[in-house]
Amino acid sequence: MTPTLDDRIAGSLLATAVGDALGYPHEFRTVAQVRREIGPAGLVDFVALQDPRFTRPFIVGTAHPPGTFTDDTQMTLAVAEALIEAGRPRTKAGHDALIQAMGRRFVDWFFSDDTDRSPGETTGIACKALHDVAARLDAARATTG
């Protein structure tokens, strides 16, 4: 049976999340450190971000369970949701709608309680800037009405 486009999209999103969850504990650690602390094969299964075998947890904060994916997957899902909302852009207006949908989803995610999976400083700066620009645009629309 040939997978449908929806099946392939769902599979790629699932593979993204699984790969991200497998790699999350490795983030900011060298291969040598992981092999020394976890074992010679490295990370071959889901491991808690703050696994006690790690001597130096570089990522602090919420002690997520094994299998937790990062902000990378969260933002990938935001893009997928924006694509569903905006549809396939075929015009400039369609591209603008897609960019606006992505921006809204990024901002909503960044200011949610779910932003505890190591978003980087640049991501934060960009999401705050998007939020500020959107607020100014909304204010301008309200006054010109």
Protein backbone atom coordinates (compact mmCIF):
# COMPACT_ATOMS: atom_id res chain seq x y z
CA MET A 1 0.00 0.00 0.00
CA THR A 2 1.41 3.38 -0.98
CA PRO A 3 1.35 5.95 1.84
CA THR A 4 -0.81 8.98 1.21
CA LEU A 5 0.58 12.50 1.38
CA ASP A 6 -1.05 12.88 4.80
CA ASP A 7 0.65 9.67 5.96
CA ARG A 8 4.02 10.92 4.75
CA ILE A 9 3.55 14.31 6.43
CA ALA A 10 2.50 12.68 9.70
CA GLY A 11 5.45 10.28 9.47
CA SER A 12 7.92 13.09 8.90
CA LEU A 13 6.55 15.04 11.88
CA LEU A 14 6.71 11.94 14.08
CA ALA A 15 10.27 11.18 12.93
CA THR A 16 11.25 14.78 13.69
CA ALA A 17 9.85 14.52 17.21
CA VAL A 18 11.46 11.12 17.91
CA GLY A 19 14.88 12.18 16.60
CA ASP A 20 14.68 15.42 18.53
CA ALA A 21 13.71 13.59 21.74
CA LEU A 22 16.60 11.14 21.30
CA GLY A 23 19.06 13.98 20.76
CA TYR A 24 17.79 16.41 23.42
CA PRO A 25 19.92 14.99 26.28
CA HIS A 26 22.97 15.15 23.98
CA GLU A 27 22.53 18.89 23.41
CA PHE A 28 25.55 20.89 24.60
CA ARG A 29 27.45 17.71 25.44
CA THR A 30 30.33 16.25 23.47
CA VAL A 31 30.26 12.74 22.05
CA ALA A 32 33.15 11.87 24.36
CA GLN A 33 31.22 13.09 27.41
CA VAL A 34 28.10 11.14 26.47
CA ARG A 35 30.08 7.96 25.85
CA ARG A 36 32.00 8.36 29.10
CA GLU A 37 28.88 8.99 31.18
CA ILE A 38 26.19 6.94 29.41
CA GLY A 39 28.25 4.18 27.80
CA PRO A 40 30.36 3.49 24.71
CA ALA A 41 27.32 3.24 22.41
CA GLY A 42 26.17 6.72 23.46
CA LEU A 43 22.49 7.56 23.50
CA VAL A 44 20.59 4.65 21.98
CA ASP A 45 17.31 5.11 23.86
CA PHE A 46 15.32 7.90 25.42
CA VAL A 47 17.17 9.36 28.39
CA ALA A 48 16.03 11.98 30.86
CA LEU A 49 17.49 15.39 30.23
CA GLN A 50 18.84 15.45 33.76
CA ASP A 51 19.86 11.80 33.90
CA PRO A 52 21.95 11.27 37.06
CA ARG A 53 24.75 9.72 35.00
CA PHE A 54 25.50 13.14 33.50
CA THR A 55 28.10 14.94 35.58
CA ARG A 56 27.39 18.38 34.15
CA PRO A 57 23.80 19.09 33.11
CA PHE A 58 24.12 22.09 30.84
CA ILE A 59 20.37 22.49 30.45
CA VAL A 60 18.69 23.46 33.68
CA GLY A 61 15.04 23.93 34.43
CA THR A 62 12.15 21.49 34.19
CA ALA A 63 13.17 17.87 34.69
CA HIS A 64 11.41 16.54 31.61
CA PRO A 65 10.93 12.78 31.38
CA PRO A 66 12.77 10.62 28.82
CA GLY A 67 11.34 11.09 25.34
CA THR A 68 10.62 14.81 25.66
CA PHE A 69 11.20 16.72 22.45
CA THR A 70 12.59 20.25 22.30
CA ASP A 71 11.52 23.66 21.14
CA ASP A 72 12.73 22.64 17.67
CA THR A 73 9.85 20.18 17.35
CA GLN A 74 7.43 22.63 18.95
CA MET A 75 8.33 25.24 16.33
CA THR A 76 8.15 22.65 13.54
CA LEU A 77 4.61 21.81 14.67
CA ALA A 78 3.78 25.54 14.71
CA VAL A 79 4.90 25.78 11.09
CA ALA A 80 2.83 22.71 10.17
CA GLU A 81 -0.24 24.21 11.86
CA ALA A 82 0.30 27.50 10.04
CA LEU A 83 0.53 25.64 6.72
CA ILE A 84 -2.76 23.89 7.50
CA GLU A 85 -4.39 27.21 8.42
CA ALA A 86 -3.10 29.23 5.48
CA GLY A 87 -3.15 26.49 2.88
CA ARG A 88 -0.69 26.32 0.03
CA PRO A 89 0.26 29.90 -0.78
CA ARG A 90 -0.08 30.67 -4.48
CA THR A 91 -0.11 34.46 -4.32
CA LYS A 92 1.65 37.22 -2.39
CA ALA A 93 -1.43 37.52 -0.19
CA GLY A 94 -1.25 33.78 0.45
CA HIS A 95 2.41 34.02 1.41
CA ASP A 96 1.61 36.95 3.70
CA ALA A 97 -1.18 34.92 5.35
CA LEU A 98 1.21 32.02 5.91
CA ILE A 99 3.89 34.26 7.45
CA GLN A 100 1.30 35.90 9.71
CA ALA A 101 -0.03 32.49 10.81
CA MET A 102 3.51 31.30 11.61
CA GLY A 103 4.28 34.50 13.49
CA ARG A 104 1.12 34.19 15.60
CA ARG A 105 1.88 30.59 16.44
CA PHE A 106 5.51 31.34 17.35
CA VAL A 107 4.46 34.21 19.61
CA ASP A 108 1.64 32.21 21.22
CA TRP A 109 4.05 29.34 21.86
CA PHE A 110 6.81 31.57 23.21
CA PHE A 111 4.52 33.23 25.76
CA SER A 112 2.86 29.95 26.79
CA ASP A 113 3.71 27.71 29.74
CA ASP A 114 5.18 25.22 27.26
CA THR A 115 8.34 27.24 26.54
CA ASP A 116 10.55 25.33 28.95
CA ARG A 117 12.44 23.20 26.44
CA SER A 118 15.53 25.30 25.87
CA PRO A 119 14.57 27.92 23.32
CA GLY A 120 17.66 29.89 22.44
CA GLU A 121 18.25 33.57 23.02
CA THR A 122 17.78 34.44 19.34
CA THR A 123 14.41 32.65 19.31
CA GLY A 124 13.34 34.70 22.32
CA ILE A 125 14.48 37.98 20.78
CA ALA A 126 12.65 37.18 17.53
CA CYS A 127 9.41 36.12 19.24
CA LYS A 128 9.41 39.21 21.46
CA ALA A 129 10.01 41.41 18.40
CA LEU A 130 7.16 39.69 16.53
CA HIS A 131 4.92 40.25 19.54
CA ASP A 132 5.85 43.94 19.75
CA VAL A 133 5.34 44.53 16.01
CA ALA A 134 1.97 42.76 16.09
CA ALA A 135 0.87 44.91 19.05
CA ARG A 136 1.86 48.10 17.23
CA LEU A 137 0.05 46.99 14.08
CA ASP A 138 -3.08 46.17 16.08
CA ALA A 139 -2.93 49.60 17.76
CA ALA A 140 -2.50 51.33 14.40
CA ARG A 141 -5.46 49.43 12.93
CA ALA A 142 -7.59 50.35 15.92
CA THR A 143 -6.90 54.06 15.50
CA THR A 144 -7.42 54.09 11.73
CA GLY A 145 -10.36 51.87 12.00
